[in-house]
């Protein structure tokens, strides 16, 4: 799933099938690329992420049944957030190049100005 640039709030809902006591299902979630470890969210069936940077992610969820047995395979959803134009490598490179050009141009202008003042004092 490809998401547009500047996604500020991401909500993912999930569930697990239990015909005995669905309210006793427990969940653990992890957003690979963001979370460093599993998050135990208890019986909650949705998770929220805010201000994710652009890039690829894999949302993983595992559940336990009413007996406390965890399904280690779980389920996953691959998603990626596209970068805004100012978050791309080419834009950052172009910005650095523009700053360098302005710096060099300012330096050369100042050197010419100093040389002109020096020549006026000599002459």
PDB file of N, CA and C in Angstrom:
ATOM      1  N   UNK A   1       0.836  -1.158   0.000  1.00  0.00           N
ATOM      2  CA  UNK A   1       0.000   0.000   0.000  1.00  0.00           C
ATOM      3  C   UNK A   1       0.892   1.237   0.000  1.00  0.00           C
ATOM      4  N   UNK A   2       0.662   2.127  -0.921  1.00  0.00           N
ATOM      5  CA  UNK A   2       1.464   3.352  -1.019  1.00  0.00           C
ATOM      6  C   UNK A   2       0.625   4.524  -0.531  1.00  0.00           C
ATOM      7  N   UNK A   3       1.136   5.235   0.465  1.00  0.00           N
ATOM      8  CA  UNK A   3       0.428   6.365   1.039  1.00  0.00           C
ATOM      9  C   UNK A   3       1.005   7.668   0.492  1.00  0.00           C
ATOM     10  N   UNK A   4       0.205   8.726   0.434  1.00  0.00           N
ATOM     11  CA  UNK A   4       0.687  10.001  -0.112  1.00  0.00           C
ATOM     12  C   UNK A   4       1.682  10.669   0.832  1.00  0.00           C
ATOM     13  N   UNK A   5       2.377  11.690   0.344  1.00  0.00           N
ATOM     14  CA  UNK A   5       3.321  12.419   1.203  1.00  0.00           C
ATOM     15  C   UNK A   5       2.609  13.100   2.372  1.00  0.00           C
ATOM     16  N   UNK A   6       3.366  13.329   3.418  1.00  0.00           N
ATOM     17  CA  UNK A   6       2.929  14.100   4.585  1.00  0.00           C
ATOM     18  C   UNK A   6       1.722  13.492   5.306  1.00  0.00           C
ATOM     19  N   UNK A   7       1.683  12.173   5.376  1.00  0.00           N
ATOM     20  CA  UNK A   7       0.645  11.513   6.167  1.00  0.00           C
ATOM     21  C   UNK A   7       0.942  11.825   7.626  1.00  0.00           C
ATOM     22  N   UNK A   8       0.022  12.514   8.273  1.00  0.00           N
ATOM     23  CA  UNK A   8       0.260  12.923   9.659  1.00  0.00           C
ATOM     24  C   UNK A   8      -0.282  11.900  10.650  1.00  0.00           C
ATOM     25  N   UNK A   9      -1.456  11.382  10.392  1.00  0.00           N
ATOM     26  CA  UNK A   9      -2.088  10.435  11.319  1.00  0.00           C
ATOM     27  C   UNK A   9      -2.440   9.160  10.573  1.00  0.00           C
ATOM     28  N   UNK A  10      -1.913   8.048  11.072  1.00  0.00           N
ATOM     29  CA  UNK A  10      -2.182   6.746  10.463  1.00  0.00           C
ATOM     30  C   UNK A  10      -2.876   5.877  11.497  1.00  0.00           C
ATOM     31  N   UNK A  11      -4.036   5.351  11.143  1.00  0.00           N
ATOM     32  CA  UNK A  11      -4.800   4.467  12.023  1.00  0.00           C
ATOM     33  C   UNK A  11      -4.944   3.129  11.317  1.00  0.00           C
ATOM     34  N   UNK A  12      -4.557   2.053  12.000  1.00  0.00           N
ATOM     35  CA  UNK A  12      -4.669   0.708  11.445  1.00  0.00           C
ATOM     36  C   UNK A  12      -5.555  -0.104  12.388  1.00  0.00           C
ATOM     37  N   UNK A  13      -6.609  -0.693  11.824  1.00  0.00           N
ATOM     38  CA  UNK A  13      -7.505  -1.554  12.598  1.00  0.00           C
ATOM     39  C   UNK A  13      -7.237  -3.008  12.239  1.00  0.00           C
ATOM     40  N   UNK A  14      -7.404  -3.896  13.209  1.00  0.00           N
ATOM     41  CA  UNK A  14      -7.144  -5.326  13.010  1.00  0.00           C
ATOM     42  C   UNK A  14      -8.033  -6.106  13.960  1.00  0.00           C
ATOM     43  N   UNK A  15      -8.121  -7.380  13.760  1.00  0.00           N
ATOM     44  CA  UNK A  15      -8.876  -8.240  14.660  1.00  0.00           C
ATOM     45  C   UNK A  15      -8.380  -9.673  14.504  1.00  0.00           C
ATOM     46  N   UNK A  16      -8.898 -10.554  15.321  1.00  0.00           N
ATOM     47  CA  UNK A  16      -8.588 -11.977  15.239  1.00  0.00           C
ATOM     48  C   UNK A  16      -9.881 -12.754  15.459  1.00  0.00           C
ATOM     49  N   UNK A  17      -9.993 -13.868  14.792  1.00  0.00           N
ATOM     50  CA  UNK A  17     -11.196 -14.685  14.876  1.00  0.00           C
ATOM     51  C   UNK A  17     -11.147 -15.576  16.115  1.00  0.00           C
ATOM     52  N   UNK A  18     -12.188 -15.469  16.918  1.00  0.00           N
ATOM     53  CA  UNK A  18     -12.332 -16.347  18.071  1.00  0.00           C
ATOM     54  C   UNK A  18     -13.816 -16.584  18.272  1.00  0.00           C
ATOM     55  N   UNK A  19     -14.221 -17.827  18.185  1.00  0.00           N
ATOM     56  CA  UNK A  19     -15.635 -18.137  18.320  1.00  0.00           C
ATOM     57  C   UNK A  19     -16.051 -18.373  19.770  1.00  0.00           C
ATOM     58  N   UNK A  20     -15.071 -18.534  20.654  1.00  0.00           N
ATOM     59  CA  UNK A  20     -15.383 -18.823  22.053  1.00  0.00           C
ATOM     60  C   UNK A  20     -15.597 -17.513  22.827  1.00  0.00           C
ATOM     61  N   UNK A  21     -14.528 -16.761  22.998  1.00  0.00           N
ATOM     62  CA  UNK A  21     -14.615 -15.474  23.708  1.00  0.00           C
ATOM     63  C   UNK A  21     -13.751 -14.443  22.979  1.00  0.00           C
ATOM     64  N   UNK A  22     -14.295 -13.789  21.976  1.00  0.00           N
ATOM     65  CA  UNK A  22     -13.493 -12.835  21.206  1.00  0.00           C
ATOM     66  C   UNK A  22     -12.990 -11.662  22.039  1.00  0.00           C
ATOM     67  N   UNK A  23     -13.668 -11.323  23.111  1.00  0.00           N
ATOM     68  CA  UNK A  23     -13.230 -10.186  23.930  1.00  0.00           C
ATOM     69  C   UNK A  23     -11.968 -10.498  24.732  1.00  0.00           C
ATOM     70  N   UNK A  24     -11.564 -11.767  24.795  1.00  0.00           N
ATOM     71  CA  UNK A  24     -10.360 -12.127  25.543  1.00  0.00           C
ATOM     72  C   UNK A  24      -9.126 -12.244  24.650  1.00  0.00           C
ATOM     73  N   UNK A  25      -9.262 -11.992  23.362  1.00  0.00           N
ATOM     74  CA  UNK A  25      -8.084 -11.979  22.479  1.00  0.00           C
ATOM     75  C   UNK A  25      -7.158 -10.846  22.890  1.00  0.00           C
ATOM     76  N   UNK A  26      -5.870 -11.129  22.901  1.00  0.00           N
ATOM     77  CA  UNK A  26      -4.854 -10.106  23.187  1.00  0.00           C
ATOM     78  C   UNK A  26      -3.992  -9.947  21.942  1.00  0.00           C
ATOM     79  N   UNK A  27      -3.433  -8.760  21.780  1.00  0.00           N
ATOM     80  CA  UNK A  27      -2.683  -8.451  20.572  1.00  0.00           C
ATOM     81  C   UNK A  27      -1.331  -7.832  20.901  1.00  0.00           C
ATOM     82  N   UNK A  28      -0.404  -8.082  20.004  1.00  0.00           N
ATOM     83  CA  UNK A  28       0.897  -7.398  19.992  1.00  0.00           C
ATOM     84  C   UNK A  28       1.098  -6.880  18.581  1.00  0.00           C
ATOM     85  N   UNK A  29       1.598  -5.664  18.481  1.00  0.00           N
ATOM     86  CA  UNK A  29       1.811  -5.049  17.164  1.00  0.00           C
ATOM     87  C   UNK A  29       3.230  -4.502  17.082  1.00  0.00           C
ATOM     88  N   UNK A  30       3.701  -4.383  15.845  1.00  0.00           N
ATOM     89  CA  UNK A  30       5.003  -3.781  15.601  1.00  0.00           C
ATOM     90  C   UNK A  30       4.981  -3.171  14.206  1.00  0.00           C
ATOM     91  N   UNK A  31       5.448  -1.942  14.104  1.00  0.00           N
ATOM     92  CA  UNK A  31       5.629  -1.291  12.813  1.00  0.00           C
ATOM     93  C   UNK A  31       7.121  -1.320  12.513  1.00  0.00           C
ATOM     94  N   UNK A  32       7.531  -2.303  11.692  1.00  0.00           N
ATOM     95  CA  UNK A  32       8.959  -2.434  11.356  1.00  0.00           C
ATOM     96  C   UNK A  32       9.383  -1.191  10.587  1.00  0.00           C
ATOM     97  N   UNK A  33      10.500  -0.639  10.977  1.00  0.00           N
ATOM     98  CA  UNK A  33      10.964   0.617  10.411  1.00  0.00           C
ATOM     99  C   UNK A  33      10.662   1.782  11.340  1.00  0.00           C
ATOM    100  N   UNK A  34       9.872   1.505  12.387  1.00  0.00           N
ATOM    101  CA  UNK A  34       9.542   2.546  13.368  1.00  0.00           C
ATOM    102  C   UNK A  34       9.706   2.015  14.793  1.00  0.00           C
ATOM    103  N   UNK A  35       9.055   0.911  15.115  1.00  0.00           N
ATOM    104  CA  UNK A  35       9.137   0.319  16.453  1.00  0.00           C
ATOM    105  C   UNK A  35      10.350  -0.602  16.541  1.00  0.00           C
ATOM    106  N   UNK A  36      10.987  -0.589  17.687  1.00  0.00           N
ATOM    107  CA  UNK A  36      12.152  -1.465  17.863  1.00  0.00           C
ATOM    108  C   UNK A  36      11.762  -2.836  18.410  1.00  0.00           C
ATOM    109  N   UNK A  37      10.581  -2.954  18.988  1.00  0.00           N
ATOM    110  CA  UNK A  37      10.156  -4.220  19.578  1.00  0.00           C
ATOM    111  C   UNK A  37       8.626  -4.294  19.524  1.00  0.00           C
ATOM    112  N   UNK A  38       8.092  -5.444  19.875  1.00  0.00           N
ATOM    113  CA  UNK A  38       6.646  -5.628  19.905  1.00  0.00           C
ATOM    114  C   UNK A  38       6.024  -4.735  20.970  1.00  0.00           C
ATOM    115  N   UNK A  39       4.847  -4.197  20.662  1.00  0.00           N
ATOM    116  CA  UNK A  39       4.074  -3.399  21.607  1.00  0.00           C
ATOM    117  C   UNK A  39       2.863  -4.230  22.033  1.00  0.00           C
ATOM    118  N   UNK A  40       2.742  -4.476  23.314  1.00  0.00           N
ATOM    119  CA  UNK A  40       1.583  -5.216  23.822  1.00  0.00           C
ATOM    120  C   UNK A  40       0.444  -4.218  23.984  1.00  0.00           C
ATOM    121  N   UNK A  41      -0.601  -4.368  23.155  1.00  0.00           N
ATOM    122  CA  UNK A  41      -1.720  -3.423  23.174  1.00  0.00           C
ATOM    123  C   UNK A  41      -2.954  -4.019  23.835  1.00  0.00           C
ATOM    124  N   UNK A  42      -2.810  -5.169  24.451  1.00  0.00           N
ATOM    125  CA  UNK A  42      -3.928  -5.778  25.173  1.00  0.00           C
ATOM    126  C   UNK A  42      -5.038  -6.196  24.226  1.00  0.00           C
ATOM    127  N   UNK A  43      -6.258  -5.788  24.539  1.00  0.00           N
ATOM    128  CA  UNK A  43      -7.414  -6.169  23.727  1.00  0.00           C
ATOM    129  C   UNK A  43      -7.778  -5.106  22.692  1.00  0.00           C
ATOM    130  N   UNK A  44      -7.017  -4.031  22.656  1.00  0.00           N
ATOM    131  CA  UNK A  44      -7.284  -2.958  21.696  1.00  0.00           C
ATOM    132  C   UNK A  44      -7.147  -3.473  20.269  1.00  0.00           C
ATOM    133  N   UNK A  45      -8.021  -3.057  19.375  1.00  0.00           N
ATOM    134  CA  UNK A  45      -8.045  -3.560  18.008  1.00  0.00           C
ATOM    135  C   UNK A  45      -7.710  -2.499  16.966  1.00  0.00           C
ATOM    136  N   UNK A  46      -7.040  -1.460  17.398  1.00  0.00           N
ATOM    137  CA  UNK A  46      -6.551  -0.447  16.463  1.00  0.00           C
ATOM    138  C   UNK A  46      -5.328   0.215  17.066  1.00  0.00           C
ATOM    139  N   UNK A  47      -4.497   0.742  16.190  1.00  0.00           N
ATOM    140  CA  UNK A  47      -3.271   1.392  16.619  1.00  0.00           C
ATOM    141  C   UNK A  47      -3.123   2.688  15.817  1.00  0.00           C
ATOM    142  N   UNK A  48      -2.483   3.680  16.420  1.00  0.00           N
ATOM    143  CA  UNK A  48      -2.313   4.987  15.800  1.00  0.00           C
ATOM    144  C   UNK A  48      -0.826   5.325  15.733  1.00  0.00           C
ATOM    145  N   UNK A  49      -0.417   5.909  14.615  1.00  0.00           N
ATOM    146  CA  UNK A  49       0.942   6.411  14.453  1.00  0.00           C
ATOM    147  C   UNK A  49       0.848   7.844  13.951  1.00  0.00           C
ATOM    148  N   UNK A  50       1.721   8.706  14.476  1.00  0.00           N
ATOM    149  CA  UNK A  50       1.717  10.116  14.099  1.00  0.00           C
ATOM    150  C   UNK A  50       3.071  10.516  13.538  1.00  0.00           C
ATOM    151  N   UNK A  51       3.044  11.379  12.537  1.00  0.00           N
ATOM    152  CA  UNK A  51       4.249  12.010  11.975  1.00  0.00           C
ATOM    153  C   UNK A  51       5.328  11.002  11.574  1.00  0.00           C
ATOM    154  N   UNK A  52       4.954   9.994  10.818  1.00  0.00           N
ATOM    155  CA  UNK A  52       5.933   9.020  10.330  1.00  0.00           C
ATOM    156  C   UNK A  52       6.732   9.641   9.192  1.00  0.00           C
ATOM    157  N   UNK A  53       8.039   9.461   9.192  1.00  0.00           N
ATOM    158  CA  UNK A  53       8.821   9.953   8.063  1.00  0.00           C
ATOM    159  C   UNK A  53       8.584   9.092   6.822  1.00  0.00           C
ATOM    160  N   UNK A  54       8.903   9.612   5.644  1.00  0.00           N
ATOM    161  CA  UNK A  54       8.716   8.808   4.432  1.00  0.00           C
ATOM    162  C   UNK A  54       9.591   7.562   4.461  1.00  0.00           C
ATOM    163  N   UNK A  55       9.106   6.514   3.802  1.00  0.00           N
ATOM    164  CA  UNK A  55       9.882   5.292   3.712  1.00  0.00           C
ATOM    165  C   UNK A  55       8.993   4.067   3.753  1.00  0.00           C
ATOM    166  N   UNK A  56       9.615   2.896   3.631  1.00  0.00           N
ATOM    167  CA  UNK A  56       8.851   1.636   3.662  1.00  0.00           C
ATOM    168  C   UNK A  56       8.652   1.152   5.100  1.00  0.00           C
ATOM    169  N   UNK A  57       7.517   0.547   5.341  1.00  0.00           N
ATOM    170  CA  UNK A  57       7.183   0.003   6.655  1.00  0.00           C
ATOM    171  C   UNK A  57       6.481  -1.338   6.473  1.00  0.00           C
ATOM    172  N   UNK A  58       6.519  -2.144   7.520  1.00  0.00           N
ATOM    173  CA  UNK A  58       5.735  -3.378   7.560  1.00  0.00           C
ATOM    174  C   UNK A  58       5.042  -3.410   8.917  1.00  0.00           C
ATOM    175  N   UNK A  59       3.707  -3.377   8.885  1.00  0.00           N
ATOM    176  CA  UNK A  59       2.920  -3.486  10.106  1.00  0.00           C
ATOM    177  C   UNK A  59       2.669  -4.959  10.370  1.00  0.00           C
ATOM    178  N   UNK A  60       3.019  -5.410  11.571  1.00  0.00           N
ATOM    179  CA  UNK A  60       2.826  -6.813  11.949  1.00  0.00           C
ATOM    180  C   UNK A  60       1.957  -6.883  13.191  1.00  0.00           C
ATOM    181  N   UNK A  61       1.093  -7.877  13.225  1.00  0.00           N
ATOM    182  CA  UNK A  61       0.234  -8.096  14.383  1.00  0.00           C
ATOM    183  C   UNK A  61       0.169  -9.585  14.675  1.00  0.00           C
ATOM    184  N   UNK A  62       0.266  -9.926  15.962  1.00  0.00           N
ATOM    185  CA  UNK A  62       0.061 -11.303  16.403  1.00  0.00           C
ATOM    186  C   UNK A  62      -0.996 -11.268  17.502  1.00  0.00           C
ATOM    187  N   UNK A  63      -1.706 -12.384  17.669  1.00  0.00           N
ATOM    188  CA  UNK A  63      -2.801 -12.446  18.635  1.00  0.00           C
ATOM    189  C   UNK A  63      -2.701 -13.711  19.467  1.00  0.00           C
ATOM    190  N   UNK A  64      -3.283 -13.631  20.652  1.00  0.00           N
ATOM    191  CA  UNK A  64      -3.402 -14.827  21.483  1.00  0.00           C
ATOM    192  C   UNK A  64      -4.883 -15.107  21.690  1.00  0.00           C
ATOM    193  N   UNK A  65      -5.195 -16.372  21.858  1.00  0.00           N
ATOM    194  CA  UNK A  65      -6.602 -16.749  22.064  1.00  0.00           C
ATOM    195  C   UNK A  65      -6.942 -16.683  23.557  1.00  0.00           C
ATOM    196  N   UNK A  66      -8.130 -17.147  23.900  1.00  0.00           N
ATOM    197  CA  UNK A  66      -8.572 -17.095  25.290  1.00  0.00           C
ATOM    198  C   UNK A  66      -7.735 -17.983  26.209  1.00  0.00           C
ATOM    199  N   UNK A  67      -6.975 -18.930  25.649  1.00  0.00           N
ATOM    200  CA  UNK A  67      -6.100 -19.788  26.450  1.00  0.00           C
ATOM    201  C   UNK A  67      -4.711 -19.190  26.631  1.00  0.00           C
ATOM    202  N   UNK A  68      -4.449 -18.064  25.984  1.00  0.00           N
ATOM    203  CA  UNK A  68      -3.143 -17.421  26.091  1.00  0.00           C
ATOM    204  C   UNK A  68      -2.115 -17.956  25.120  1.00  0.00           C
ATOM    205  N   UNK A  69      -2.539 -18.722  24.112  1.00  0.00           N
ATOM    206  CA  UNK A  69      -1.623 -19.264  23.108  1.00  0.00           C
ATOM    207  C   UNK A  69      -1.456 -18.223  22.004  1.00  0.00           C
ATOM    208  N   UNK A  70      -0.195 -17.828  21.758  1.00  0.00           N
ATOM    209  CA  UNK A  70       0.091 -16.801  20.761  1.00  0.00           C
ATOM    210  C   UNK A  70       0.287 -17.416  19.386  1.00  0.00           C
ATOM    211  N   UNK A  71      -0.272 -16.761  18.387  1.00  0.00           N
ATOM    212  CA  UNK A  71      -0.048 -17.119  16.987  1.00  0.00           C
ATOM    213  C   UNK A  71       1.222 -16.382  16.547  1.00  0.00           C
ATOM    214  N   UNK A  72       2.326 -17.080  16.486  1.00  0.00           N
ATOM    215  CA  UNK A  72       3.608 -16.435  16.199  1.00  0.00           C
ATOM    216  C   UNK A  72       3.736 -15.980  14.750  1.00  0.00           C
ATOM    217  N   UNK A  73       2.992 -16.606  13.829  1.00  0.00           N
ATOM    218  CA  UNK A  73       3.074 -16.204  12.421  1.00  0.00           C
ATOM    219  C   UNK A  73       2.418 -14.852  12.218  1.00  0.00           C
ATOM    220  N   UNK A  74       1.245 -14.655  12.778  1.00  0.00           N
ATOM    221  CA  UNK A  74       0.552 -13.381  12.689  1.00  0.00           C
ATOM    222  C   UNK A  74       0.205 -12.977  11.270  1.00  0.00           C
ATOM    223  N   UNK A  75      -0.025 -11.701  11.109  1.00  0.00           N
ATOM    224  CA  UNK A  75      -0.349 -11.132   9.805  1.00  0.00           C
ATOM    225  C   UNK A  75       0.467  -9.864   9.631  1.00  0.00           C
ATOM    226  N   UNK A  76       0.626  -9.445   8.386  1.00  0.00           N
ATOM    227  CA  UNK A  76       1.388  -8.225   8.139  1.00  0.00           C
ATOM    228  C   UNK A  76       0.783  -7.448   6.982  1.00  0.00           C
ATOM    229  N   UNK A  77       1.133  -6.171   6.939  1.00  0.00           N
ATOM    230  CA  UNK A  77       0.714  -5.264   5.877  1.00  0.00           C
ATOM    231  C   UNK A  77       1.920  -4.407   5.514  1.00  0.00           C
ATOM    232  N   UNK A  78       2.351  -4.502   4.250  1.00  0.00           N
ATOM    233  CA  UNK A  78       3.444  -3.657   3.777  1.00  0.00           C
ATOM    234  C   UNK A  78       2.866  -2.330   3.303  1.00  0.00           C
ATOM    235  N   UNK A  79       3.515  -1.250   3.722  1.00  0.00           N
ATOM    236  CA  UNK A  79       3.078   0.071   3.290  1.00  0.00           C
ATOM    237  C   UNK A  79       4.286   0.971   3.161  1.00  0.00           C
ATOM    238  N   UNK A  80       4.133   2.019   2.383  1.00  0.00           N
ATOM    239  CA  UNK A  80       5.211   2.993   2.246  1.00  0.00           C
ATOM    240  C   UNK A  80       4.593   4.381   2.166  1.00  0.00           C
ATOM    241  N   UNK A  81       5.318   5.335   2.703  1.00  0.00           N
ATOM    242  CA  UNK A  81       4.893   6.727   2.668  1.00  0.00           C
ATOM    243  C   UNK A  81       5.808   7.445   1.689  1.00  0.00           C
ATOM    244  N   UNK A  82       5.207   8.070   0.695  1.00  0.00           N
ATOM    245  CA  UNK A  82       5.971   8.795  -0.320  1.00  0.00           C
ATOM    246  C   UNK A  82       6.531  10.087   0.283  1.00  0.00           C
ATOM    247  N   UNK A  83       7.724  10.484  -0.130  1.00  0.00           N
ATOM    248  CA  UNK A  83       8.284  11.737   0.387  1.00  0.00           C
ATOM    249  C   UNK A  83       7.668  12.947  -0.310  1.00  0.00           C
ATOM    250  N   UNK A  84       7.561  14.039   0.422  1.00  0.00           N
ATOM    251  CA  UNK A  84       7.196  15.317  -0.191  1.00  0.00           C
ATOM    252  C   UNK A  84       8.402  15.780  -1.008  1.00  0.00           C
ATOM    253  N   UNK A  85       8.196  16.725  -1.895  1.00  0.00           N
ATOM    254  CA  UNK A  85       9.295  17.135  -2.780  1.00  0.00           C
ATOM    255  C   UNK A  85      10.510  17.612  -1.989  1.00  0.00           C
ATOM    256  N   UNK A  86      10.297  18.285  -0.862  1.00  0.00           N
ATOM    257  CA  UNK A  86      11.425  18.812  -0.093  1.00  0.00           C
ATOM    258  C   UNK A  86      12.085  17.755   0.793  1.00  0.00           C
ATOM    259  N   UNK A  87      11.554  16.538   0.804  1.00  0.00           N
ATOM    260  CA  UNK A  87      12.164  15.444   1.557  1.00  0.00           C
ATOM    261  C   UNK A  87      12.953  14.500   0.665  1.00  0.00           C
ATOM    262  N   UNK A  88      13.038  14.805  -0.622  1.00  0.00           N
ATOM    263  CA  UNK A  88      13.740  13.937  -1.564  1.00  0.00           C
ATOM    264  C   UNK A  88      15.227  14.272  -1.599  1.00  0.00           C
ATOM    265  N   UNK A  89      16.009  13.310  -2.014  1.00  0.00           N
ATOM    266  CA  UNK A  89      17.455  13.486  -2.085  1.00  0.00           C
ATOM    267  C   UNK A  89      17.824  14.544  -3.125  1.00  0.00           C
ATOM    268  N   UNK A  90      17.135  14.519  -4.267  1.00  0.00           N
ATOM    269  CA  UNK A  90      17.489  15.488  -5.309  1.00  0.00           C
ATOM    270  C   UNK A  90      17.211  16.908  -4.845  1.00  0.00           C
ATOM    271  N   UNK A  91      16.154  17.149  -4.069  1.00  0.00           N
ATOM    272  CA  UNK A  91      15.857  18.497  -3.590  1.00  0.00           C
ATOM    273  C   UNK A  91      16.910  18.948  -2.580  1.00  0.00           C
ATOM    274  N   UNK A  92      17.288  18.064  -1.678  1.00  0.00           N
ATOM    275  CA  UNK A  92      18.315  18.418  -0.688  1.00  0.00           C
ATOM    276  C   UNK A  92      19.652  18.677  -1.362  1.00  0.00           C
ATOM    277  N   UNK A  93      19.981  17.865  -2.367  1.00  0.00           N
ATOM    278  CA  UNK A  93      21.232  18.083  -3.108  1.00  0.00           C
ATOM    279  C   UNK A  93      21.201  19.412  -3.844  1.00  0.00           C
ATOM    280  N   UNK A  94      20.079  19.712  -4.477  1.00  0.00           N
ATOM    281  CA  UNK A  94      19.949  20.987  -5.192  1.00  0.00           C
ATOM    282  C   UNK A  94      20.028  22.167  -4.223  1.00  0.00           C
ATOM    283  N   UNK A  95      19.464  22.018  -3.040  1.00  0.00           N
ATOM    284  CA  UNK A  95      19.514  23.089  -2.041  1.00  0.00           C
ATOM    285  C   UNK A  95      20.946  23.342  -1.585  1.00  0.00           C
ATOM    286  N   UNK A  96      21.691  22.269  -1.362  1.00  0.00           N
ATOM    287  CA  UNK A  96      23.098  22.418  -0.970  1.00  0.00           C
ATOM    288  C   UNK A  96      23.878  23.079  -2.099  1.00  0.00           C
ATOM    289  N   UNK A  97      23.607  22.679  -3.330  1.00  0.00           N
ATOM    290  CA  UNK A  97      24.298  23.277  -4.476  1.00  0.00           C
ATOM    291  C   UNK A  97      23.987  24.768  -4.582  1.00  0.00           C
ATOM    292  N   UNK A  98      22.755  25.151  -4.390  1.00  0.00           N
ATOM    293  CA  UNK A  98      22.379  26.567  -4.455  1.00  0.00           C
ATOM    294  C   UNK A  98      23.076  27.358  -3.350  1.00  0.00           C
ATOM    295  N   UNK A  99      23.113  26.827  -2.147  1.00  0.00           N
ATOM    296  CA  UNK A  99      23.789  27.512  -1.047  1.00  0.00           C
ATOM    297  C   UNK A  99      25.273  27.679  -1.359  1.00  0.00           C
ATOM    298  N   UNK A 100      25.902  26.643  -1.902  1.00  0.00           N
ATOM    299  CA  UNK A 100      27.321  26.742  -2.260  1.00  0.00           C
ATOM    300  C   UNK A 100      27.556  27.778  -3.356  1.00  0.00           C
ATOM    301  N   UNK A 101      26.709  27.807  -4.365  1.00  0.00           N
ATOM    302  CA  UNK A 101      26.844  28.785  -5.448  1.00  0.00           C
ATOM    303  C   UNK A 101      26.689  30.204  -4.896  1.00  0.00           C
ATOM    304  N   UNK A 102      25.713  30.424  -4.034  1.00  0.00           N
ATOM    305  CA  UNK A 102      25.510  31.748  -3.436  1.00  0.00           C
ATOM    306  C   UNK A 102      26.720  32.125  -2.584  1.00  0.00           C
ATOM    307  N   UNK A 103      27.243  31.184  -1.813  1.00  0.00           N
ATOM    308  CA  UNK A 103      28.425  31.457  -0.992  1.00  0.00           C
ATOM    309  C   UNK A 103      29.630  31.831  -1.855  1.00  0.00           C
ATOM    310  N   UNK A 104      29.886  31.028  -2.899  1.00  0.00           N
ATOM    311  CA  UNK A 104      31.021  31.305  -3.785  1.00  0.00           C
ATOM    312  C   UNK A 104      30.831  32.644  -4.494  1.00  0.00           C
ATOM    313  N   UNK A 105      29.634  32.928  -4.971  1.00  0.00           N
ATOM    314  CA  UNK A 105      29.371  34.199  -5.645  1.00  0.00           C
ATOM    315  C   UNK A 105      29.568  35.366  -4.682  1.00  0.00           C
ATOM    316  N   UNK A 106      29.093  35.244  -3.461  1.00  0.00           N
ATOM    317  CA  UNK A 106      29.290  36.294  -2.459  1.00  0.00           C
ATOM    318  C   UNK A 106      30.755  36.486  -2.128  1.00  0.00           C
ATOM    319  N   UNK A 107      31.488  35.396  -2.028  1.00  0.00           N
ATOM    320  CA  UNK A 107      32.924  35.467  -1.751  1.00  0.00           C
ATOM    321  C   UNK A 107      33.662  36.176  -2.890  1.00  0.00           C
ATOM    322  N   UNK A 108      33.362  35.781  -4.113  1.00  0.00           N
ATOM    323  CA  UNK A 108      34.028  36.406  -5.268  1.00  0.00           C
ATOM    324  C   UNK A 108      33.667  37.889  -5.374  1.00  0.00           C
ATOM    325  N   UNK A 109      32.407  38.236  -5.093  1.00  0.00           N
ATOM    326  CA  UNK A 109      31.997  39.640  -5.119  1.00  0.00           C
ATOM    327  C   UNK A 109      32.775  40.441  -4.086  1.00  0.00           C
ATOM    328  N   UNK A 110      32.901  39.883  -2.876  1.00  0.00           N
ATOM    329  CA  UNK A 110      33.626  40.592  -1.813  1.00  0.00           C
ATOM    330  C   UNK A 110      35.101  40.729  -2.143  1.00  0.00           C
ATOM    331  N   UNK A 111      35.719  39.703  -2.714  1.00  0.00           N
ATOM    332  CA  UNK A 111      37.132  39.786  -3.100  1.00  0.00           C
ATOM    333  C   UNK A 111      37.326  40.868  -4.161  1.00  0.00           C
ATOM    334  N   UNK A 112      36.458  40.961  -5.153  1.00  0.00           N
ATOM    335  CA  UNK A 112      36.544  42.027  -6.175  1.00  0.00           C
ATOM    336  C   UNK A 112      36.370  43.403  -5.553  1.00  0.00           C
ATOM    337  N   UNK A 113      35.463  43.512  -4.608  1.00  0.00           N
ATOM    338  CA  UNK A 113      35.223  44.788  -3.941  1.00  0.00           C
ATOM    339  C   UNK A 113      36.465  45.228  -3.164  1.00  0.00           C
ATOM    340  N   UNK A 114      37.093  44.297  -2.449  1.00  0.00           N
ATOM    341  CA  UNK A 114      38.310  44.606  -1.690  1.00  0.00           C
ATOM    342  C   UNK A 114      39.434  44.974  -2.646  1.00  0.00           C
ATOM    343  N   UNK A 115      39.559  44.237  -3.763  1.00  0.00           N
ATOM    344  CA  UNK A 115      40.614  44.540  -4.745  1.00  0.00           C
ATOM    345  C   UNK A 115      40.393  45.917  -5.349  1.00  0.00           C
ATOM    346  N   UNK A 116      39.166  46.274  -5.657  1.00  0.00           N
ATOM    347  CA  UNK A 116      38.866  47.590  -6.235  1.00  0.00           C
ATOM    348  C   UNK A 116      39.197  48.687  -5.233  1.00  0.00           C
ATOM    349  N   UNK A 117      38.829  48.536  -3.959  1.00  0.00           N
ATOM    350  CA  UNK A 117      39.151  49.531  -2.945  1.00  0.00           C
ATOM    351  C   UNK A 117      40.673  49.671  -2.751  1.00  0.00           C
ATOM    352  N   UNK A 118      41.362  48.514  -2.803  1.00  0.00           N
ATOM    353  CA  UNK A 118      42.804  48.531  -2.666  1.00  0.00           C
ATOM    354  C   UNK A 118      43.464  49.291  -3.830  1.00  0.00           C
ATOM    355  N   UNK A 119      42.983  49.044  -5.054  1.00  0.00           N
ATOM    356  CA  UNK A 119      43.540  49.736  -6.231  1.00  0.00           C
ATOM    357  C   UNK A 119      43.233  51.234  -6.195  1.00  0.00           C
ATOM    358  N   UNK A 120      42.076  51.622  -5.643  1.00  0.00           N
ATOM    359  CA  UNK A 120      41.754  53.057  -5.548  1.00  0.00           C
ATOM    360  C   UNK A 120      42.711  53.728  -4.556  1.00  0.00           C
ATOM    361  N   UNK A 121      43.033  53.083  -3.488  1.00  0.00           N
ATOM    362  CA  UNK A 121      43.961  53.666  -2.495  1.00  0.00           C
ATOM    363  C   UNK A 121      45.384  53.766  -3.032  1.00  0.00           C
ATOM    364  N   UNK A 122      45.770  52.803  -3.880  1.00  0.00           N
ATOM    365  CA  UNK A 122      47.129  52.833  -4.453  1.00  0.00           C
ATOM    366  C   UNK A 122      47.249  53.892  -5.543  1.00  0.00           C
ATOM    367  N   UNK A 123      46.172  54.130  -6.250  1.00  0.00           N
ATOM    368  CA  UNK A 123      46.229  54.986  -7.426  1.00  0.00           C
ATOM    369  C   UNK A 123      45.870  56.369  -7.167  1.00  0.00           C
TER     370      UNK A 123
END
